[in-house]
Protein backbone atom coordinates (compact mmCIF):
# COMPACT_ATOMS: atom_id res chain seq x y z
CA MET A 1 123.69 112.66 -22.61
CA ASP A 2 122.41 111.32 -25.43
CA MET A 3 122.48 107.80 -25.36
CA PRO A 4 123.03 106.05 -28.65
CA SER A 5 120.28 103.59 -30.35
CA ILE A 6 120.27 100.26 -29.05
CA GLU A 7 121.48 98.75 -32.24
CA THR A 8 124.52 100.48 -31.77
CA PHE A 9 125.18 98.99 -28.36
CA VAL A 10 127.23 95.44 -28.88
CA ARG A 11 128.13 92.87 -25.55
CA LYS A 12 130.62 91.04 -25.28
CA ARG A 13 131.73 89.21 -21.90
CA SER A 14 128.62 90.13 -20.07
CA GLN A 15 130.10 94.00 -21.04
CA MET A 16 128.25 97.08 -22.78
CA ILE A 17 130.63 98.72 -25.15
CA PHE A 18 130.92 100.25 -28.46
CA SER A 19 131.24 100.67 -31.39
CA GLN A 20 133.82 103.90 -32.78
CA SER A 21 131.17 105.62 -34.31
CA ALA A 22 129.09 105.06 -31.65
CA PHE A 23 131.58 106.22 -28.90
CA ALA A 24 131.52 109.44 -31.32
CA ARG A 25 127.94 110.07 -31.62
CA MET A 26 127.86 109.59 -27.85
CA ILE A 27 130.59 112.50 -26.96
CA GLY A 28 128.96 114.50 -30.06
CA VAL A 29 132.54 113.97 -31.97
CA SER A 30 133.09 112.72 -35.62
CA GLN A 31 133.88 109.05 -36.22
CA GLN A 32 137.26 110.28 -37.47
CA ARG A 33 138.05 111.89 -34.46
CA VAL A 34 137.71 108.68 -32.10
CA SER A 35 140.31 106.79 -34.36
CA GLN A 36 142.70 109.69 -33.73
CA TYR A 37 142.32 109.19 -29.98
CA VAL A 38 143.20 105.59 -30.65
CA ALA A 39 145.34 106.30 -32.30
CA LEU A 40 147.34 108.59 -29.67
CA GLY A 41 146.26 105.45 -27.12
CA LEU A 42 142.25 105.39 -26.40
CA PRO A 43 141.61 101.73 -24.58
CA VAL A 44 139.72 99.43 -27.05
CA ASP A 45 139.81 96.21 -26.56
CA ASP A 46 140.90 93.90 -29.70
CA GLN A 47 138.68 94.58 -32.31
CA GLY A 48 138.71 98.11 -31.80
CA PHE A 49 135.49 98.76 -29.54
CA ILE A 50 135.29 101.05 -26.61
CA GLY A 51 134.72 99.72 -23.06
CA ASP A 52 133.21 101.84 -20.56
CA PRO A 53 132.37 105.37 -21.63
CA ASP A 54 133.21 107.26 -18.36
CA THR A 55 136.97 105.47 -18.45
CA SER A 56 137.08 106.86 -21.98
CA LYS A 57 135.89 109.99 -21.32
CA ASN A 58 137.99 110.69 -18.37
CA TRP A 59 141.16 109.55 -20.68
CA ILE A 60 140.23 112.02 -23.32
CA LYS A 61 140.18 114.47 -20.46
CA GLU A 62 143.35 113.50 -19.17
CA ASN A 63 145.26 112.84 -22.71
CA ILE A 64 143.70 115.53 -25.01
CA GLU A 65 141.70 117.80 -23.58
CA SER A 66 144.35 118.76 -20.69
CA ARG A 67 147.26 119.11 -23.55
CA ASN A 68 148.90 122.36 -24.77
CA ILE A 69 149.72 123.42 -28.31
CA ASP A 70 153.24 123.15 -28.47
CA GLU A 71 155.41 125.78 -26.85
CA PRO A 72 156.84 127.45 -29.06
CA VAL A 73 153.55 127.45 -31.52
CA GLN A 74 152.24 129.28 -28.13
CA LYS A 75 155.09 131.34 -27.45
CA GLU A 76 155.19 132.52 -31.58
CA ARG A 77 151.66 133.40 -31.10
CA ALA A 78 152.10 135.51 -28.01
CA ASP A 79 154.98 137.56 -29.53
CA GLN A 80 153.19 138.52 -32.35
CA ARG A 81 149.85 139.52 -30.28
CA ALA A 82 152.23 141.41 -27.95
CA ARG A 83 154.10 142.87 -31.42
CA LEU A 84 150.28 143.66 -33.10
CA LEU A 85 149.25 145.51 -29.20
CA ALA A 86 152.53 147.67 -29.48
CA ALA A 87 151.86 148.86 -32.94
CA GLN A 88 148.11 149.72 -32.30
CA ALA A 89 149.22 151.62 -29.21
CA ARG A 90 151.77 153.89 -30.93
CA LYS A 91 149.26 154.49 -33.82
CA ILE A 92 146.67 155.67 -31.20
CA GLU A 93 149.12 157.50 -29.45
CA ALA A 94 150.45 159.25 -32.85
CA GLU A 95 146.88 160.10 -33.78
CA TYR A 96 146.48 161.55 -30.06
CA ASP A 97 149.48 163.28 -31.04
CA VAL A 98 148.17 165.09 -34.12
CA LYS A 99 144.91 165.25 -33.07
CA PHE A 100 146.11 167.86 -30.09
CA GLY A 101 149.33 169.22 -31.83
CA HIS A 102 152.10 167.66 -30.23
CA MET A 103 153.27 166.07 -33.61
CA HIS A 104 152.84 167.10 -37.21
CA GLN A 105 151.45 164.65 -39.30
CA ASP A 106 154.41 164.16 -41.68
CA SER A 107 156.19 162.78 -38.73
CA VAL A 108 153.26 160.36 -38.07
CA VAL A 109 153.55 158.73 -41.56
CA ARG A 110 157.42 158.14 -41.21
CA GLU A 111 157.10 156.72 -38.14
CA ARG A 112 154.30 154.58 -39.65
CA ASP A 113 156.56 153.81 -42.38
CA GLN A 114 159.06 153.13 -40.01
CA GLN A 115 157.22 150.65 -37.85
CA ASN A 116 156.12 149.08 -41.12
CA VAL A 117 159.66 148.15 -42.38
CA LEU A 118 160.14 146.90 -38.90
CA ALA A 119 157.20 144.41 -38.96
CA ALA A 120 157.90 143.39 -42.35
CA LYS A 121 161.32 142.56 -41.48
CA ALA A 122 160.69 140.52 -38.55
CA LEU A 123 158.66 138.98 -40.30
CA ILE A 124 160.88 137.84 -43.06
CA LEU A 125 163.57 136.75 -40.60
CA SER A 126 160.88 134.71 -39.00
CA PHE A 127 161.05 132.31 -42.09
CA PRO A 128 164.31 130.55 -41.81
CA SER A 129 162.76 129.15 -38.28
CA ARG A 130 159.44 128.74 -39.71
CA PHE A 131 160.81 126.29 -42.35
CA ARG A 132 163.10 124.43 -40.10
CA ASN A 133 160.71 123.72 -37.37
CA ALA A 134 158.30 123.11 -40.03
CA LEU A 135 160.50 121.06 -41.44
CA LYS A 136 162.11 119.42 -38.57
CA LEU A 137 165.73 119.20 -39.87
CA SER A 138 169.00 118.49 -37.68
CA ALA A 139 171.97 120.93 -37.30
CA GLN A 140 173.71 118.30 -39.75
CA GLN A 141 170.80 118.92 -42.63
CA GLU A 142 170.85 122.17 -42.27
CA ARG A 143 174.35 122.57 -43.28
CA GLN A 144 174.12 120.15 -45.89
CA MET A 145 170.54 122.42 -47.25
CA ALA A 146 173.28 125.91 -46.64
CA THR A 147 176.08 124.42 -48.30
CA GLY A 148 174.03 123.06 -51.48
CA GLY A 149 175.37 119.51 -50.90
């Protein structure tokens, strides 16, 4: 672990403390990231200095690194990945069937077109929920927007 230069240390109440930028260098992130951690609750003194680096690192590990992406986002990404894998598998199966004479080429084209239409439809239908999630609208606000009032 690289320690910051002696100029970045500040003595206060006989305890070694760090500025946010010195702590950022110590843990290998930007000063802006440390400011975000502070905004999320990383303990600092009344002047914004960080005390014990081990305690602060543990706070980051417990409160930041252990945090997962929002569950709806994870679920949407997993669903998208599952749809992609299913489409890729169908394509490979269709190509295999054509290669070994189980299906005519025009059937493959029709099936691929149908899959593309279904994928486009699923994407288009997901837009309202994406906008709703992005805007975080209440049910009443959604009704007002739908009625134009």
